[in-house]
């Protein structure tokens, strides 16, 4: 289950080493280090980083440069050379990443919220150790669904109470002790995700004004479930790891449906006789059948 994650982490480690040593980084060299064909290695990277290799390399270089600019007395031209950029190329790349030029940063102009674009290296933990391989799955087509709840990002806005308080107040963690987490893209460029904590929407009921409704269109889903005595975070991520690294490879007739970027995670806790909690989690992924290509003989 861990092979693709290992490939990705090896690529990240290689990139970090090359940046620190001011050495050139090419897709070809990364593929050679990882032991995969260049095209396939690029696809693995895109899937886990949600950006291509060179975009990641640029953002990591600019994040290193950001630190150099605010913590050292080096000239901008020296910093540009350190990361293998021309002066003009460095200024353009830095502005693309942070929205200001290196000179503006040096002068501490327009520096609000720059940290939001600072990128740490992306390493992915392999969660497969926390559960056995999920063997049971169900594929079903489900009509449009409505969910009501609060988003993870909104919970930090200061406009609403904590997620736990709201759900406790509403008794919205109700039927079967389940709660859903809907992971979805909230911007049209499909760069950033939010998590929506919710339950099925029931019309004509009272809900706090801060609650939002998300409509999920008719869609085919695969539901994978697993259980363990660890926190649901680890079990859910183990299921996701299995789906992306193993299930899709074994069932080549299906692919992830890019038209719907929502995954449901519902879970509950039960207890053994010795009061040891067991967590059962189920994750849904939007899928579609691959179109068969016509082969001319």
C-alpha atoms as a PDB file:
ATOM      1  CA  UNK A   1       0.000   0.000   0.000  1.00  0.00           C
ATOM      2  CA  UNK A   2       2.898   2.342   0.673  1.00  0.00           C
ATOM      3  CA  UNK A   3       4.787   2.148  -2.635  1.00  0.00           C
ATOM      4  CA  UNK A   4       3.421   5.332  -4.252  1.00  0.00           C
ATOM      5  CA  UNK A   5       3.683   7.302  -1.018  1.00  0.00           C
ATOM      6  CA  UNK A   6       7.312   6.184  -0.720  1.00  0.00           C
ATOM      7  CA  UNK A   7       7.973   7.360  -4.282  1.00  0.00           C
ATOM      8  CA  UNK A   8       6.453  10.750  -3.525  1.00  0.00           C
ATOM      9  CA  UNK A   9       8.384  11.195  -0.282  1.00  0.00           C
ATOM     10  CA  UNK A  10      11.612  10.179  -2.015  1.00  0.00           C
ATOM     11  CA  UNK A  11      10.995  12.885  -4.635  1.00  0.00           C
ATOM     12  CA  UNK A  12      10.378  15.479  -1.918  1.00  0.00           C
ATOM     13  CA  UNK A  13      13.558  14.483  -0.098  1.00  0.00           C
ATOM     14  CA  UNK A  14      15.573  14.700  -3.332  1.00  0.00           C
ATOM     15  CA  UNK A  15      14.159  18.167  -4.105  1.00  0.00           C
ATOM     16  CA  UNK A  16      15.016  19.440  -0.633  1.00  0.00           C
ATOM     17  CA  UNK A  17      18.592  18.210  -0.913  1.00  0.00           C
ATOM     18  CA  UNK A  18      19.111  19.774  -4.337  1.00  0.00           C
ATOM     19  CA  UNK A  19      17.674  23.139  -3.303  1.00  0.00           C
ATOM     20  CA  UNK A  20      19.915  23.293  -0.224  1.00  0.00           C
ATOM     21  CA  UNK A  21      22.961  22.489  -2.389  1.00  0.00           C
ATOM     22  CA  UNK A  22      21.969  25.004  -5.109  1.00  0.00           C
ATOM     23  CA  UNK A  23      21.805  22.229  -7.714  1.00  0.00           C
ATOM     24  CA  UNK A  24      19.602  21.927 -10.770  1.00  0.00           C
ATOM     25  CA  UNK A  25      16.386  19.920 -10.428  1.00  0.00           C
ATOM     26  CA  UNK A  26      14.827  18.246 -13.457  1.00  0.00           C
ATOM     27  CA  UNK A  27      11.829  15.968 -13.811  1.00  0.00           C
ATOM     28  CA  UNK A  28      14.066  13.418 -15.505  1.00  0.00           C
ATOM     29  CA  UNK A  29      16.481  13.249 -12.577  1.00  0.00           C
ATOM     30  CA  UNK A  30      13.644  12.945 -10.070  1.00  0.00           C
ATOM     31  CA  UNK A  31      12.170  10.052 -12.048  1.00  0.00           C
ATOM     32  CA  UNK A  32      15.547   8.300 -12.152  1.00  0.00           C
ATOM     33  CA  UNK A  33      15.969   8.637  -8.380  1.00  0.00           C
ATOM     34  CA  UNK A  34      12.456   7.280  -7.790  1.00  0.00           C
ATOM     35  CA  UNK A  35      12.874   4.422 -10.268  1.00  0.00           C
ATOM     36  CA  UNK A  36       9.827   5.265 -12.387  1.00  0.00           C
ATOM     37  CA  UNK A  37       9.210   6.486 -15.927  1.00  0.00           C
ATOM     38  CA  UNK A  38       9.215  10.278 -16.061  1.00  0.00           C
ATOM     39  CA  UNK A  39       5.567  10.574 -17.128  1.00  0.00           C
ATOM     40  CA  UNK A  40       4.327   8.210 -14.421  1.00  0.00           C
ATOM     41  CA  UNK A  41       6.466   9.855 -11.742  1.00  0.00           C
ATOM     42  CA  UNK A  42       5.007  13.244 -12.705  1.00  0.00           C
ATOM     43  CA  UNK A  43       1.470  11.871 -12.363  1.00  0.00           C
ATOM     44  CA  UNK A  44       2.227  10.489  -8.893  1.00  0.00           C
ATOM     45  CA  UNK A  45       3.627  13.856  -7.829  1.00  0.00           C
ATOM     46  CA  UNK A  46       0.666  15.781  -9.226  1.00  0.00           C
ATOM     47  CA  UNK A  47      -1.779  13.554  -7.370  1.00  0.00           C
ATOM     48  CA  UNK A  48      -0.195  13.974  -3.942  1.00  0.00           C
ATOM     49  CA  UNK A  49       1.060  17.574  -4.185  1.00  0.00           C
ATOM     50  CA  UNK A  50      -1.865  18.919  -6.223  1.00  0.00           C
ATOM     51  CA  UNK A  51       0.637  20.735  -8.427  1.00  0.00           C
ATOM     52  CA  UNK A  52       3.296  19.749 -10.927  1.00  0.00           C
ATOM     53  CA  UNK A  53       6.918  19.155  -9.970  1.00  0.00           C
ATOM     54  CA  UNK A  54       8.374  22.411 -11.245  1.00  0.00           C
ATOM     55  CA  UNK A  55       5.641  24.515  -9.632  1.00  0.00           C
ATOM     56  CA  UNK A  56       6.426  22.792  -6.335  1.00  0.00           C
ATOM     57  CA  UNK A  57      10.165  23.346  -6.820  1.00  0.00           C
ATOM     58  CA  UNK A  58       9.575  27.037  -7.529  1.00  0.00           C
ATOM     59  CA  UNK A  59       7.419  27.511  -4.434  1.00  0.00           C
ATOM     60  CA  UNK A  60       9.912  25.706  -2.210  1.00  0.00           C
ATOM     61  CA  UNK A  61      12.795  27.791  -3.585  1.00  0.00           C
ATOM     62  CA  UNK A  62      10.831  30.983  -3.009  1.00  0.00           C
ATOM     63  CA  UNK A  63       9.991  29.872   0.546  1.00  0.00           C
ATOM     64  CA  UNK A  64      13.707  29.347   1.222  1.00  0.00           C
ATOM     65  CA  UNK A  65      14.429  32.705  -0.395  1.00  0.00           C
ATOM     66  CA  UNK A  66      11.772  34.329   1.786  1.00  0.00           C
ATOM     67  CA  UNK A  67      13.702  33.209   4.860  1.00  0.00           C
ATOM     68  CA  UNK A  68      16.996  34.430   3.408  1.00  0.00           C
ATOM     69  CA  UNK A  69      15.541  37.847   2.643  1.00  0.00           C
ATOM     70  CA  UNK A  70      14.224  38.476   6.147  1.00  0.00           C
ATOM     71  CA  UNK A  71      16.999  36.842   8.189  1.00  0.00           C
ATOM     72  CA  UNK A  72      20.192  37.710   6.324  1.00  0.00           C
ATOM     73  CA  UNK A  73      21.969  40.716   4.873  1.00  0.00           C
ATOM     74  CA  UNK A  74      22.610  39.034   1.526  1.00  0.00           C
ATOM     75  CA  UNK A  75      22.008  40.996  -1.643  1.00  0.00           C
ATOM     76  CA  UNK A  76      18.947  40.043  -3.649  1.00  0.00           C
ATOM     77  CA  UNK A  77      21.174  39.172  -6.608  1.00  0.00           C
ATOM     78  CA  UNK A  78      23.166  36.735  -4.445  1.00  0.00           C
ATOM     79  CA  UNK A  79      19.986  35.074  -3.212  1.00  0.00           C
ATOM     80  CA  UNK A  80      18.711  34.800  -6.797  1.00  0.00           C
ATOM     81  CA  UNK A  81      21.970  33.140  -7.846  1.00  0.00           C
ATOM     82  CA  UNK A  82      21.794  30.744  -4.875  1.00  0.00           C
ATOM     83  CA  UNK A  83      18.482  29.368  -6.209  1.00  0.00           C
ATOM     84  CA  UNK A  84      19.673  29.366  -9.848  1.00  0.00           C
ATOM     85  CA  UNK A  85      17.628  32.338 -11.034  1.00  0.00           C
ATOM     86  CA  UNK A  86      18.524  35.421 -12.996  1.00  0.00           C
ATOM     87  CA  UNK A  87      17.715  38.688 -11.215  1.00  0.00           C
ATOM     88  CA  UNK A  88      14.605  39.284 -13.336  1.00  0.00           C
ATOM     89  CA  UNK A  89      13.510  35.640 -13.161  1.00  0.00           C
ATOM     90  CA  UNK A  90      13.871  35.624  -9.390  1.00  0.00           C
ATOM     91  CA  UNK A  91      11.789  38.792  -8.979  1.00  0.00           C
ATOM     92  CA  UNK A  92       9.047  37.382 -11.199  1.00  0.00           C
ATOM     93  CA  UNK A  93       8.987  33.994  -9.427  1.00  0.00           C
ATOM     94  CA  UNK A  94       8.950  35.629  -6.006  1.00  0.00           C
ATOM     95  CA  UNK A  95       6.103  37.975  -6.934  1.00  0.00           C
ATOM     96  CA  UNK A  96       4.140  35.089  -8.465  1.00  0.00           C
ATOM     97  CA  UNK A  97       4.446  33.243  -5.145  1.00  0.00           C
ATOM     98  CA  UNK A  98       4.009  35.994  -2.566  1.00  0.00           C
ATOM     99  CA  UNK A  99       2.393  38.875  -4.449  1.00  0.00           C
ATOM    100  CA  UNK A 100       5.211  41.309  -3.692  1.00  0.00           C
ATOM    101  CA  UNK A 101       8.752  41.770  -4.961  1.00  0.00           C
ATOM    102  CA  UNK A 102      11.887  40.846  -2.980  1.00  0.00           C
ATOM    103  CA  UNK A 103      12.654  44.574  -2.595  1.00  0.00           C
ATOM    104  CA  UNK A 104       9.238  45.192  -1.052  1.00  0.00           C
ATOM    105  CA  UNK A 105       9.836  42.369   1.400  1.00  0.00           C
ATOM    106  CA  UNK A 106      13.228  43.798   2.326  1.00  0.00           C
ATOM    107  CA  UNK A 107      11.525  47.129   2.968  1.00  0.00           C
ATOM    108  CA  UNK A 108       8.736  45.310   4.832  1.00  0.00           C
ATOM    109  CA  UNK A 109       6.077  46.689   2.503  1.00  0.00           C
ATOM    110  CA  UNK A 110       2.745  44.895   2.006  1.00  0.00           C
ATOM    111  CA  UNK A 111       3.808  41.961   4.138  1.00  0.00           C
ATOM    112  CA  UNK A 112       0.386  41.147   5.604  1.00  0.00           C
ATOM    113  CA  UNK A 113      -0.649  37.489   5.246  1.00  0.00           C
ATOM    114  CA  UNK A 114       2.472  36.563   3.256  1.00  0.00           C
ATOM    115  CA  UNK A 115       2.929  33.572   5.524  1.00  0.00           C
ATOM    116  CA  UNK A 116      -0.196  32.054   3.941  1.00  0.00           C
ATOM    117  CA  UNK A 117       1.826  31.372   0.791  1.00  0.00           C
ATOM    118  CA  UNK A 118       4.902  30.037   2.581  1.00  0.00           C
ATOM    119  CA  UNK A 119       5.345  26.357   1.748  1.00  0.00           C
ATOM    120  CA  UNK A 120       6.953  23.747   3.957  1.00  0.00           C
ATOM    121  CA  UNK A 121       8.078  20.476   2.368  1.00  0.00           C
ATOM    122  CA  UNK A 122       5.197  18.092   1.719  1.00  0.00           C
ATOM    123  CA  UNK A 123       5.817  14.677   3.227  1.00  0.00           C
ATOM    124  CA  UNK A 124       2.978  12.162   3.415  1.00  0.00           C
ATOM    125  CA  UNK A 125       2.612   9.651   6.214  1.00  0.00           C
ATOM    126  CA  UNK A 126       1.589   6.128   5.215  1.00  0.00           C
ATOM    127  CA  UNK A 127      -1.404   5.314   7.400  1.00  0.00           C
ATOM    128  CA  UNK A 128      -1.768   1.713   6.228  1.00  0.00           C
ATOM    129  CA  UNK A 129      -0.139   0.486   9.452  1.00  0.00           C
ATOM    130  CA  UNK A 130      -3.199   1.483  11.449  1.00  0.00           C
ATOM    131  CA  UNK A 131      -5.686  -0.911   9.825  1.00  0.00           C
ATOM    132  CA  UNK A 132      -5.757  -4.126   7.864  1.00  0.00           C
ATOM    133  CA  UNK A 133      -6.484  -3.839   4.157  1.00  0.00           C
ATOM    134  CA  UNK A 134     -10.160  -2.931   3.600  1.00  0.00           C
ATOM    135  CA  UNK A 135     -11.660  -5.824   1.643  1.00  0.00           C
ATOM    136  CA  UNK A 136     -15.353  -4.972   1.535  1.00  0.00           C
ATOM    137  CA  UNK A 137     -16.695  -2.183  -0.626  1.00  0.00           C
ATOM    138  CA  UNK A 138     -20.050  -1.138  -2.012  1.00  0.00           C
ATOM    139  CA  UNK A 139     -20.663   0.778  -5.228  1.00  0.00           C
ATOM    140  CA  UNK A 140     -23.966   2.585  -5.452  1.00  0.00           C
ATOM    141  CA  UNK A 141     -25.559   5.407  -7.389  1.00  0.00           C
ATOM    142  CA  UNK A 142     -27.234   7.900  -5.071  1.00  0.00           C
ATOM    143  CA  UNK A 143     -29.704  10.641  -5.853  1.00  0.00           C
ATOM    144  CA  UNK A 144     -29.043  14.278  -4.962  1.00  0.00           C
ATOM    145  CA  UNK A 145     -28.332  14.783  -1.270  1.00  0.00           C
ATOM    146  CA  UNK A 146     -28.518  17.853   0.948  1.00  0.00           C
ATOM    147  CA  UNK A 147     -26.285  18.288   3.979  1.00  0.00           C
ATOM    148  CA  UNK A 148     -26.324  20.975   6.651  1.00  0.00           C
ATOM    149  CA  UNK A 149     -23.502  21.924   8.980  1.00  0.00           C
ATOM    150  CA  UNK A 150     -20.452  24.137   9.389  1.00  0.00           C
ATOM    151  CA  UNK A 151     -17.154  24.350   7.570  1.00  0.00           C
ATOM    152  CA  UNK A 152     -13.739  23.867   9.114  1.00  0.00           C
ATOM    153  CA  UNK A 153     -12.551  27.254   7.838  1.00  0.00           C
ATOM    154  CA  UNK A 154     -15.604  29.057   9.188  1.00  0.00           C
ATOM    155  CA  UNK A 155     -14.929  27.587  12.611  1.00  0.00           C
ATOM    156  CA  UNK A 156     -11.770  29.729  12.772  1.00  0.00           C
ATOM    157  CA  UNK A 157     -13.389  32.914  11.495  1.00  0.00           C
ATOM    158  CA  UNK A 158     -14.670  33.978  14.889  1.00  0.00           C
ATOM    159  CA  UNK A 159     -18.193  34.261  13.515  1.00  0.00           C
ATOM    160  CA  UNK A 160     -19.441  30.967  14.921  1.00  0.00           C
ATOM    161  CA  UNK A 161     -18.904  28.832  17.985  1.00  0.00           C
ATOM    162  CA  UNK A 162     -16.768  25.733  17.877  1.00  0.00           C
ATOM    163  CA  UNK A 163     -17.951  22.858  15.742  1.00  0.00           C
ATOM    164  CA  UNK A 164     -18.402  20.664  18.791  1.00  0.00           C
ATOM    165  CA  UNK A 165     -20.580  23.209  20.587  1.00  0.00           C
ATOM    166  CA  UNK A 166     -22.796  23.742  17.586  1.00  0.00           C
ATOM    167  CA  UNK A 167     -23.370  20.066  16.988  1.00  0.00           C
ATOM    168  CA  UNK A 168     -23.983  19.461  20.660  1.00  0.00           C
ATOM    169  CA  UNK A 169     -26.480  22.290  20.764  1.00  0.00           C
ATOM    170  CA  UNK A 170     -28.262  20.980  17.677  1.00  0.00           C
ATOM    171  CA  UNK A 171     -27.970  17.331  18.628  1.00  0.00           C
ATOM    172  CA  UNK A 172     -27.023  16.962  14.995  1.00  0.00           C
ATOM    173  CA  UNK A 173     -24.803  13.975  15.686  1.00  0.00           C
ATOM    174  CA  UNK A 174     -27.903  11.917  16.004  1.00  0.00           C
ATOM    175  CA  UNK A 175     -28.975   9.060  13.762  1.00  0.00           C
ATOM    176  CA  UNK A 176     -26.801   6.018  14.372  1.00  0.00           C
ATOM    177  CA  UNK A 177     -24.244   8.240  16.056  1.00  0.00           C
ATOM    178  CA  UNK A 178     -22.859   9.256  12.678  1.00  0.00           C
ATOM    179  CA  UNK A 179     -21.422  12.513  11.497  1.00  0.00           C
ATOM    180  CA  UNK A 180     -20.305  13.287   7.964  1.00  0.00           C
ATOM    181  CA  UNK A 181     -17.206  15.145   6.895  1.00  0.00           C
ATOM    182  CA  UNK A 182     -17.389  16.382   3.324  1.00  0.00           C
ATOM    183  CA  UNK A 183     -13.991  17.302   1.885  1.00  0.00           C
ATOM    184  CA  UNK A 184     -14.465  19.553  -1.107  1.00  0.00           C
ATOM    185  CA  UNK A 185     -12.844  22.274  -3.206  1.00  0.00           C
ATOM    186  CA  UNK A 186     -14.255  25.671  -2.379  1.00  0.00           C
ATOM    187  CA  UNK A 187     -12.585  27.660  -5.161  1.00  0.00           C
ATOM    188  CA  UNK A 188     -13.073  27.396  -8.911  1.00  0.00           C
ATOM    189  CA  UNK A 189      -9.361  26.898  -9.529  1.00  0.00           C
ATOM    190  CA  UNK A 190      -9.520  23.671  -7.474  1.00  0.00           C
ATOM    191  CA  UNK A 191      -6.501  24.547  -5.360  1.00  0.00           C
ATOM    192  CA  UNK A 192      -7.805  24.700  -1.819  1.00  0.00           C
ATOM    193  CA  UNK A 193     -10.037  22.347   0.108  1.00  0.00           C
ATOM    194  CA  UNK A 194     -12.370  22.859   3.016  1.00  0.00           C
ATOM    195  CA  UNK A 195     -14.036  20.290   5.259  1.00  0.00           C
ATOM    196  CA  UNK A 196     -17.762  20.490   5.932  1.00  0.00           C
ATOM    197  CA  UNK A 197     -18.985  18.857   9.168  1.00  0.00           C
ATOM    198  CA  UNK A 198     -22.606  17.955   8.618  1.00  0.00           C
ATOM    199  CA  UNK A 199     -25.550  15.633   8.745  1.00  0.00           C
ATOM    200  CA  UNK A 200     -28.486  15.048   6.429  1.00  0.00           C
ATOM    201  CA  UNK A 201     -30.594  18.160   5.971  1.00  0.00           C
ATOM    202  CA  UNK A 202     -34.181  17.940   7.196  1.00  0.00           C
ATOM    203  CA  UNK A 203     -36.435  20.744   5.901  1.00  0.00           C
ATOM    204  CA  UNK A 204     -38.652  22.770   8.190  1.00  0.00           C
ATOM    205  CA  UNK A 205     -36.373  22.322  11.179  1.00  0.00           C
ATOM    206  CA  UNK A 206     -34.671  25.098  13.112  1.00  0.00           C
ATOM    207  CA  UNK A 207     -30.964  25.551  12.468  1.00  0.00           C
ATOM    208  CA  UNK A 208     -28.612  28.309  13.608  1.00  0.00           C
ATOM    209  CA  UNK A 209     -28.137  30.947  10.939  1.00  0.00           C
ATOM    210  CA  UNK A 210     -24.426  30.127  10.730  1.00  0.00           C
ATOM    211  CA  UNK A 211     -25.169  26.676   9.335  1.00  0.00           C
ATOM    212  CA  UNK A 212     -24.824  26.195   5.584  1.00  0.00           C
ATOM    213  CA  UNK A 213     -26.430  23.745   3.192  1.00  0.00           C
ATOM    214  CA  UNK A 214     -24.412  21.851   0.601  1.00  0.00           C
ATOM    215  CA  UNK A 215     -26.140  20.116  -2.290  1.00  0.00           C
ATOM    216  CA  UNK A 216     -24.435  17.026  -3.656  1.00  0.00           C
ATOM    217  CA  UNK A 217     -25.614  16.057  -7.144  1.00  0.00           C
ATOM    218  CA  UNK A 218     -26.620  12.561  -8.212  1.00  0.00           C
ATOM    219  CA  UNK A 219     -23.410  10.566  -8.285  1.00  0.00           C
ATOM    220  CA  UNK A 220     -21.919   7.089  -8.298  1.00  0.00           C
ATOM    221  CA  UNK A 221     -19.929   6.352  -5.138  1.00  0.00           C
ATOM    222  CA  UNK A 222     -17.728   3.625  -3.750  1.00  0.00           C
ATOM    223  CA  UNK A 223     -17.986   3.169   0.010  1.00  0.00           C
ATOM    224  CA  UNK A 224     -14.984   1.643   1.817  1.00  0.00           C
ATOM    225  CA  UNK A 225     -15.008   0.924   5.525  1.00  0.00           C
ATOM    226  CA  UNK A 226     -12.578  -0.223   8.183  1.00  0.00           C
ATOM    227  CA  UNK A 227     -12.313  -0.308  11.947  1.00  0.00           C
ATOM    228  CA  UNK A 228      -9.619  -0.043  14.575  1.00  0.00           C
ATOM    229  CA  UNK A 229      -8.870   1.144  18.073  1.00  0.00           C
ATOM    230  CA  UNK A 230      -6.956   4.213  16.873  1.00  0.00           C
ATOM    231  CA  UNK A 231      -8.254   7.711  16.389  1.00  0.00           C
ATOM    232  CA  UNK A 232     -10.592   8.100  13.420  1.00  0.00           C
ATOM    233  CA  UNK A 233      -8.050  10.430  11.780  1.00  0.00           C
ATOM    234  CA  UNK A 234      -5.652   7.538  11.233  1.00  0.00           C
ATOM    235  CA  UNK A 235      -8.331   5.079  10.127  1.00  0.00           C
ATOM    236  CA  UNK A 236      -9.878   7.479   7.628  1.00  0.00           C
ATOM    237  CA  UNK A 237      -6.478   8.298   6.144  1.00  0.00           C
ATOM    238  CA  UNK A 238      -5.625   4.598   5.950  1.00  0.00           C
ATOM    239  CA  UNK A 239      -8.797   4.019   3.918  1.00  0.00           C
ATOM    240  CA  UNK A 240      -7.880   6.914   1.625  1.00  0.00           C
ATOM    241  CA  UNK A 241      -4.367   5.571   1.214  1.00  0.00           C
ATOM    242  CA  UNK A 242      -5.731   2.157   0.277  1.00  0.00           C
ATOM    243  CA  UNK A 243      -8.227   3.605  -2.211  1.00  0.00           C
ATOM    244  CA  UNK A 244      -5.719   5.751  -4.105  1.00  0.00           C
ATOM    245  CA  UNK A 245      -2.767   3.364  -3.957  1.00  0.00           C
ATOM    246  CA  UNK A 246      -4.430  -0.030  -4.288  1.00  0.00           C
ATOM    247  CA  UNK A 247      -8.122  -0.059  -5.114  1.00  0.00           C
ATOM    248  CA  UNK A 248      -7.929   2.100  -8.244  1.00  0.00           C
ATOM    249  CA  UNK A 249      -5.047  -0.033  -9.531  1.00  0.00           C
ATOM    250  CA  UNK A 250      -6.972  -3.265  -8.961  1.00  0.00           C
ATOM    251  CA  UNK A 251     -10.212  -2.004 -10.493  1.00  0.00           C
ATOM    252  CA  UNK A 252      -9.039  -0.388 -13.697  1.00  0.00           C
ATOM    253  CA  UNK A 253     -12.587  -0.148 -15.037  1.00  0.00           C
ATOM    254  CA  UNK A 254     -13.202   2.771 -12.663  1.00  0.00           C
ATOM    255  CA  UNK A 255     -11.599   6.160 -12.132  1.00  0.00           C
ATOM    256  CA  UNK A 256     -12.089   9.069  -9.772  1.00  0.00           C
ATOM    257  CA  UNK A 257     -14.836  11.370 -11.001  1.00  0.00           C
ATOM    258  CA  UNK A 258     -13.216  14.775 -11.349  1.00  0.00           C
ATOM    259  CA  UNK A 259     -16.609  16.426 -11.738  1.00  0.00           C
ATOM    260  CA  UNK A 260     -17.323  15.942  -8.056  1.00  0.00           C
ATOM    261  CA  UNK A 261     -14.592  16.618  -5.527  1.00  0.00           C
ATOM    262  CA  UNK A 262     -16.429  15.513  -2.396  1.00  0.00           C
ATOM    263  CA  UNK A 263     -15.604  12.563  -0.158  1.00  0.00           C
ATOM    264  CA  UNK A 264     -17.832  11.592   2.746  1.00  0.00           C
ATOM    265  CA  UNK A 265     -16.413  10.297   5.978  1.00  0.00           C
ATOM    266  CA  UNK A 266     -18.934   8.981   8.468  1.00  0.00           C
ATOM    267  CA  UNK A 267     -17.862   7.309  11.648  1.00  0.00           C
ATOM    268  CA  UNK A 268     -18.965   6.269  15.092  1.00  0.00           C
ATOM    269  CA  UNK A 269     -17.423   4.861  18.238  1.00  0.00           C
ATOM    270  CA  UNK A 270     -18.451   1.637  19.932  1.00  0.00           C
ATOM    271  CA  UNK A 271     -16.985  -0.062  22.991  1.00  0.00           C
ATOM    272  CA  UNK A 272     -15.719  -3.524  23.810  1.00  0.00           C
ATOM    273  CA  UNK A 273     -16.622  -5.150  27.106  1.00  0.00           C
ATOM    274  CA  UNK A 274     -13.471  -3.723  28.636  1.00  0.00           C
ATOM    275  CA  UNK A 275     -14.514  -0.195  27.629  1.00  0.00           C
ATOM    276  CA  UNK A 276     -11.863  -0.031  24.912  1.00  0.00           C
ATOM    277  CA  UNK A 277     -13.319   2.074  22.081  1.00  0.00           C
ATOM    278  CA  UNK A 278     -13.440   0.708  18.544  1.00  0.00           C
ATOM    279  CA  UNK A 279     -13.875   3.233  15.762  1.00  0.00           C
ATOM    280  CA  UNK A 280     -15.723   2.260  12.607  1.00  0.00           C
ATOM    281  CA  UNK A 281     -15.188   4.581   9.663  1.00  0.00           C
ATOM    282  CA  UNK A 282     -16.616   4.664   6.173  1.00  0.00           C
ATOM    283  CA  UNK A 283     -15.320   6.858   3.359  1.00  0.00           C
ATOM    284  CA  UNK A 284     -17.120   7.487   0.078  1.00  0.00           C
ATOM    285  CA  UNK A 285     -15.294   8.399  -3.116  1.00  0.00           C
ATOM    286  CA  UNK A 286     -16.944   9.734  -6.296  1.00  0.00           C
ATOM    287  CA  UNK A 287     -16.161   7.385  -9.180  1.00  0.00           C
ATOM    288  CA  UNK A 288     -17.195   6.748 -12.761  1.00  0.00           C
ATOM    289  CA  UNK A 289     -16.674   3.948 -15.236  1.00  0.00           C
ATOM    290  CA  UNK A 290     -13.908   4.497 -17.735  1.00  0.00           C
ATOM    291  CA  UNK A 291     -14.944   4.951 -21.322  1.00  0.00           C
ATOM    292  CA  UNK A 292     -13.750   2.105 -23.494  1.00  0.00           C
ATOM    293  CA  UNK A 293     -11.609   3.253 -26.385  1.00  0.00           C
ATOM    294  CA  UNK A 294     -12.202   1.733 -29.812  1.00  0.00           C
ATOM    295  CA  UNK A 295      -9.184  -0.133 -31.102  1.00  0.00           C
ATOM    296  CA  UNK A 296      -8.921  -0.466 -34.849  1.00  0.00           C
ATOM    297  CA  UNK A 297      -7.556  -3.790 -35.991  1.00  0.00           C
END
